[in-house]
Amino acid sequence: MHRVVQWGADFAAGRCEDARPLHDAVVGVLFRKTSARTRTALSAGTLRLGGR
């Protein structure tokens, strides 16, 4: 858990070696209920990390 938190802090500070860990990855999400806010946040995060 500590490693995940440290990676997140390094990424946010711009000190991450691999700034695009999802480069060219296709990410799919399945929701049981409609959630525009969650879908939008996950889409933005995926794009920021290099996914599609």
PDB file of N, CA and C in Angstrom:
ATOM      1  N   MET A   1       0.829  -1.186   0.000  1.00  0.00           N
ATOM      2  CA  MET A   1       0.000   0.000   0.000  1.00  0.00           C
ATOM      3  C   MET A   1       0.876   1.254   0.000  1.00  0.00           C
ATOM      4  N   HIS A   2       1.939   1.213   0.759  1.00  0.00           N
ATOM      5  CA  HIS A   2       2.835   2.370   0.827  1.00  0.00           C
ATOM      6  C   HIS A   2       3.399   2.699  -0.550  1.00  0.00           C
ATOM      7  N   ARG A   3       3.729   1.656  -1.337  1.00  0.00           N
ATOM      8  CA  ARG A   3       4.275   1.881  -2.679  1.00  0.00           C
ATOM      9  C   ARG A   3       3.282   2.591  -3.586  1.00  0.00           C
ATOM     10  N   VAL A   4       2.022   2.230  -3.488  1.00  0.00           N
ATOM     11  CA  VAL A   4       0.985   2.851  -4.321  1.00  0.00           C
ATOM     12  C   VAL A   4       0.826   4.324  -3.953  1.00  0.00           C
ATOM     13  N   VAL A   5       0.782   4.609  -2.663  1.00  0.00           N
ATOM     14  CA  VAL A   5       0.650   5.998  -2.205  1.00  0.00           C
ATOM     15  C   VAL A   5       1.877   6.811  -2.610  1.00  0.00           C
ATOM     16  N   GLN A   6       3.061   6.233  -2.470  1.00  0.00           N
ATOM     17  CA  GLN A   6       4.292   6.940  -2.850  1.00  0.00           C
ATOM     18  C   GLN A   6       4.313   7.222  -4.350  1.00  0.00           C
ATOM     19  N   TRP A   7       3.880   6.238  -5.168  1.00  0.00           N
ATOM     20  CA  TRP A   7       3.848   6.452  -6.612  1.00  0.00           C
ATOM     21  C   TRP A   7       2.883   7.589  -6.951  1.00  0.00           C
ATOM     22  N   GLY A   8       1.727   7.606  -6.290  1.00  0.00           N
ATOM     23  CA  GLY A   8       0.748   8.675  -6.522  1.00  0.00           C
ATOM     24  C   GLY A   8       1.306  10.037  -6.165  1.00  0.00           C
ATOM     25  N   ALA A   9       2.011  10.121  -5.052  1.00  0.00           N
ATOM     26  CA  ALA A   9       2.622  11.399  -4.650  1.00  0.00           C
ATOM     27  C   ALA A   9       3.697  11.823  -5.644  1.00  0.00           C
ATOM     28  N   ASP A  10       4.515  10.886  -6.085  1.00  0.00           N
ATOM     29  CA  ASP A  10       5.553  11.201  -7.071  1.00  0.00           C
ATOM     30  C   ASP A  10       4.939  11.626  -8.400  1.00  0.00           C
ATOM     31  N   PHE A  11       3.873  10.943  -8.820  1.00  0.00           N
ATOM     32  CA  PHE A  11       3.205  11.298 -10.077  1.00  0.00           C
ATOM     33  C   PHE A  11       2.631  12.711  -9.996  1.00  0.00           C
ATOM     34  N   ALA A  12       1.968  13.020  -8.881  1.00  0.00           N
ATOM     35  CA  ALA A  12       1.365  14.348  -8.709  1.00  0.00           C
ATOM     36  C   ALA A  12       2.420  15.438  -8.680  1.00  0.00           C
ATOM     37  N   ALA A  13       3.600  15.115  -8.173  1.00  0.00           N
ATOM     38  CA  ALA A  13       4.679  16.105  -8.087  1.00  0.00           C
ATOM     39  C   ALA A  13       5.516  16.166  -9.362  1.00  0.00           C
ATOM     40  N   GLY A  14       5.213  15.310 -10.341  1.00  0.00           N
ATOM     41  CA  GLY A  14       5.955  15.329 -11.600  1.00  0.00           C
ATOM     42  C   GLY A  14       7.288  14.601 -11.519  1.00  0.00           C
ATOM     43  N   ARG A  15       7.471  13.744 -10.505  1.00  0.00           N
ATOM     44  CA  ARG A  15       8.736  13.021 -10.335  1.00  0.00           C
ATOM     45  C   ARG A  15       8.634  11.564 -10.771  1.00  0.00           C
ATOM     46  N   CYS A  16       7.619  11.225 -11.514  1.00  0.00           N
ATOM     47  CA  CYS A  16       7.380   9.834 -11.886  1.00  0.00           C
ATOM     48  C   CYS A  16       8.181   9.487 -13.140  1.00  0.00           C
ATOM     49  N   GLU A  17       8.900   8.343 -13.096  1.00  0.00           N
ATOM     50  CA  GLU A  17       9.673   7.909 -14.261  1.00  0.00           C
ATOM     51  C   GLU A  17       8.751   7.542 -15.420  1.00  0.00           C
ATOM     52  N   ASP A  18       7.669   6.845 -15.118  1.00  0.00           N
ATOM     53  CA  ASP A  18       6.725   6.407 -16.142  1.00  0.00           C
ATOM     54  C   ASP A  18       5.450   7.240 -16.007  1.00  0.00           C
ATOM     55  N   ALA A  19       5.433   8.389 -16.659  1.00  0.00           N
ATOM     56  CA  ALA A  19       4.309   9.311 -16.518  1.00  0.00           C
ATOM     57  C   ALA A  19       3.073   8.856 -17.291  1.00  0.00           C
ATOM     58  N   ARG A  20       3.193   7.850 -18.138  1.00  0.00           N
ATOM     59  CA  ARG A  20       2.062   7.365 -18.937  1.00  0.00           C
ATOM     60  C   ARG A  20       1.943   5.842 -18.785  1.00  0.00           C
ATOM     61  N   PRO A  21       1.648   5.346 -17.586  1.00  0.00           N
ATOM     62  CA  PRO A  21       1.621   3.897 -17.371  1.00  0.00           C
ATOM     63  C   PRO A  21       0.543   3.159 -18.159  1.00  0.00           C
ATOM     64  N   LEU A  22      -0.461   3.861 -18.654  1.00  0.00           N
ATOM     65  CA  LEU A  22      -1.517   3.222 -19.443  1.00  0.00           C
ATOM     66  C   LEU A  22      -1.342   3.490 -20.941  1.00  0.00           C
ATOM     67  N   HIS A  23      -0.126   3.842 -21.352  1.00  0.00           N
ATOM     68  CA  HIS A  23       0.142   4.189 -22.746  1.00  0.00           C
ATOM     69  C   HIS A  23      -0.443   3.141 -23.690  1.00  0.00           C
ATOM     70  N   ASP A  24      -1.333   3.570 -24.573  1.00  0.00           N
ATOM     71  CA  ASP A  24      -1.997   2.741 -25.583  1.00  0.00           C
ATOM     72  C   ASP A  24      -2.860   1.614 -25.001  1.00  0.00           C
ATOM     73  N   ALA A  25      -3.181   1.686 -23.718  1.00  0.00           N
ATOM     74  CA  ALA A  25      -4.064   0.686 -23.126  1.00  0.00           C
ATOM     75  C   ALA A  25      -5.517   1.110 -23.350  1.00  0.00           C
ATOM     76  N   VAL A  26      -6.359   0.141 -23.577  1.00  0.00           N
ATOM     77  CA  VAL A  26      -7.785   0.400 -23.707  1.00  0.00           C
ATOM     78  C   VAL A  26      -8.429   0.028 -22.377  1.00  0.00           C
ATOM     79  N   VAL A  27      -9.125   0.983 -21.768  1.00  0.00           N
ATOM     80  CA  VAL A  27      -9.716   0.773 -20.451  1.00  0.00           C
ATOM     81  C   VAL A  27     -11.230   0.738 -20.587  1.00  0.00           C
ATOM     82  N   GLY A  28     -11.829  -0.294 -20.030  1.00  0.00           N
ATOM     83  CA  GLY A  28     -13.285  -0.417 -20.048  1.00  0.00           C
ATOM     84  C   GLY A  28     -13.817  -0.418 -18.632  1.00  0.00           C
ATOM     85  N   VAL A  29     -14.969   0.176 -18.440  1.00  0.00           N
ATOM     86  CA  VAL A  29     -15.585   0.250 -17.113  1.00  0.00           C
ATOM     87  C   VAL A  29     -17.057  -0.128 -17.256  1.00  0.00           C
ATOM     88  N   LEU A  30     -17.530  -0.937 -16.350  1.00  0.00           N
ATOM     89  CA  LEU A  30     -18.921  -1.363 -16.362  1.00  0.00           C
ATOM     90  C   LEU A  30     -19.591  -0.867 -15.078  1.00  0.00           C
ATOM     91  N   PHE A  31     -20.689  -0.135 -15.225  1.00  0.00           N
ATOM     92  CA  PHE A  31     -21.421   0.403 -14.080  1.00  0.00           C
ATOM     93  C   PHE A  31     -22.763  -0.304 -13.948  1.00  0.00           C
ATOM     94  N   ARG A  32     -23.146  -0.594 -12.724  1.00  0.00           N
ATOM     95  CA  ARG A  32     -24.488  -1.129 -12.478  1.00  0.00           C
ATOM     96  C   ARG A  32     -25.532  -0.027 -12.563  1.00  0.00           C
ATOM     97  N   LYS A  33     -25.164   1.152 -12.085  1.00  0.00           N
ATOM     98  CA  LYS A  33     -26.070   2.310 -12.114  1.00  0.00           C
ATOM     99  C   LYS A  33     -25.392   3.436 -12.883  1.00  0.00           C
ATOM    100  N   THR A  34     -26.179   4.290 -13.486  1.00  0.00           N
ATOM    101  CA  THR A  34     -25.645   5.430 -14.220  1.00  0.00           C
ATOM    102  C   THR A  34     -24.951   6.385 -13.260  1.00  0.00           C
ATOM    103  N   SER A  35     -23.733   6.777 -13.599  1.00  0.00           N
ATOM    104  CA  SER A  35     -22.981   7.691 -12.758  1.00  0.00           C
ATOM    105  C   SER A  35     -22.115   8.582 -13.649  1.00  0.00           C
ATOM    106  N   ALA A  36     -22.649   9.711 -14.052  1.00  0.00           N
ATOM    107  CA  ALA A  36     -21.920  10.606 -14.962  1.00  0.00           C
ATOM    108  C   ALA A  36     -20.652  11.152 -14.318  1.00  0.00           C
ATOM    109  N   ARG A  37     -20.715  11.496 -13.046  1.00  0.00           N
ATOM    110  CA  ARG A  37     -19.547  12.077 -12.373  1.00  0.00           C
ATOM    111  C   ARG A  37     -18.412  11.047 -12.294  1.00  0.00           C
ATOM    112  N   THR A  38     -18.723   9.825 -11.913  1.00  0.00           N
ATOM    113  CA  THR A  38     -17.699   8.786 -11.817  1.00  0.00           C
ATOM    114  C   THR A  38     -17.152   8.447 -13.197  1.00  0.00           C
ATOM    115  N   ARG A  39     -18.020   8.309 -14.186  1.00  0.00           N
ATOM    116  CA  ARG A  39     -17.584   7.997 -15.555  1.00  0.00           C
ATOM    117  C   ARG A  39     -16.664   9.090 -16.087  1.00  0.00           C
ATOM    118  N   THR A  40     -17.019  10.338 -15.851  1.00  0.00           N
ATOM    119  CA  THR A  40     -16.202  11.457 -16.314  1.00  0.00           C
ATOM    120  C   THR A  40     -14.844  11.473 -15.623  1.00  0.00           C
ATOM    121  N   ALA A  41     -14.830  11.247 -14.311  1.00  0.00           N
ATOM    122  CA  ALA A  41     -13.565  11.234 -13.564  1.00  0.00           C
ATOM    123  C   ALA A  41     -12.655  10.103 -14.031  1.00  0.00           C
ATOM    124  N   LEU A  42     -13.214   8.912 -14.244  1.00  0.00           N
ATOM    125  CA  LEU A  42     -12.408   7.786 -14.715  1.00  0.00           C
ATOM    126  C   LEU A  42     -11.910   8.022 -16.129  1.00  0.00           C
ATOM    127  N   SER A  43     -12.711   8.614 -16.977  1.00  0.00           N
ATOM    128  CA  SER A  43     -12.279   8.923 -18.348  1.00  0.00           C
ATOM    129  C   SER A  43     -11.136   9.939 -18.334  1.00  0.00           C
ATOM    130  N   ALA A  44     -11.271  10.961 -17.542  1.00  0.00           N
ATOM    131  CA  ALA A  44     -10.209  11.973 -17.453  1.00  0.00           C
ATOM    132  C   ALA A  44      -8.924  11.375 -16.913  1.00  0.00           C
ATOM    133  N   GLY A  45      -9.022  10.542 -15.885  1.00  0.00           N
ATOM    134  CA  GLY A  45      -7.848   9.904 -15.319  1.00  0.00           C
ATOM    135  C   GLY A  45      -7.175   8.967 -16.293  1.00  0.00           C
ATOM    136  N   THR A  46      -7.967   8.215 -17.042  1.00  0.00           N
ATOM    137  CA  THR A  46      -7.425   7.295 -18.041  1.00  0.00           C
ATOM    138  C   THR A  46      -6.672   8.065 -19.113  1.00  0.00           C
ATOM    139  N   LEU A  47      -7.248   9.141 -19.589  1.00  0.00           N
ATOM    140  CA  LEU A  47      -6.576   9.965 -20.608  1.00  0.00           C
ATOM    141  C   LEU A  47      -5.293  10.572 -20.064  1.00  0.00           C
ATOM    142  N   ARG A  48      -5.335  11.033 -18.835  1.00  0.00           N
ATOM    143  CA  ARG A  48      -4.141  11.647 -18.233  1.00  0.00           C
ATOM    144  C   ARG A  48      -3.006  10.633 -18.100  1.00  0.00           C
ATOM    145  N   LEU A  49      -3.348   9.375 -17.859  1.00  0.00           N
ATOM    146  CA  LEU A  49      -2.350   8.326 -17.704  1.00  0.00           C
ATOM    147  C   LEU A  49      -1.968   7.664 -19.022  1.00  0.00           C
ATOM    148  N   GLY A  50      -2.526   8.159 -20.134  1.00  0.00           N
ATOM    149  CA  GLY A  50      -2.121   7.693 -21.452  1.00  0.00           C
ATOM    150  C   GLY A  50      -3.004   6.640 -22.080  1.00  0.00           C
ATOM    151  N   GLY A  51      -4.081   6.258 -21.410  1.00  0.00           N
ATOM    152  CA  GLY A  51      -4.976   5.235 -21.956  1.00  0.00           C
ATOM    153  C   GLY A  51      -5.985   5.822 -22.921  1.00  0.00           C
ATOM    154  N   ARG A  52      -6.807   4.927 -23.461  1.00  0.00           N
ATOM    155  CA  ARG A  52      -7.875   5.374 -24.371  1.00  0.00           C
ATOM    156  C   ARG A  52      -9.178   4.785 -23.910  1.00  0.00           C
TER     157      ARG A  52
END
